[in-house]
Amino acid sequence: MIRPGTMYRDVGAVISRKAAQNGCAVVKTYCGHGVGRLFHTSPSVPHYSKNKAIGIMRPGHIFTIEPMINDGSSWSDALWPDNWTAVTTNGKRSAQFEHTFLVTETGVDILTARKGAPTSKLIWDENAIKR
């Protein structure tokens, strides 16, 4: 889906649909962002459907996708007093991950791919994440 011509707002619909298919919800508080001379810059890349993100992916764009996915149907979150730690409001489990992408003329390079992993598509490898 990451390639020239894709609208940034379409990313959220795909993430939300996949989360819902697995009994989860996407937190709406946080979004992906552009990476450039400033680290957190435009575009904003919301991870939920029916968002109002603007912009179309073009070659050379660098941005992150970093959803916080909650177990269950609640997308609500809260911050601990440290103003950094995000938790679910219902006490259920949550997970967050981040990848950084470069839009190329023909698709995408995953800049944060694991060593030896393909950089043109994400592969879920359970052995790579086991401790």
Foldseek 3Di string as FASTA:
>chain_A
DFAFFAWLLVQQPVLQVVLVVVQKGWAQPAFKAWCDPHGRHDDTRTNHHPDDTGDTDDAFTKMKGKIKIFHHDDNAWDDDPVRPDIDHPVRGDIDIDMWMWGHHNGGIATPPDPVPDGRRDDDDDPVVPDD
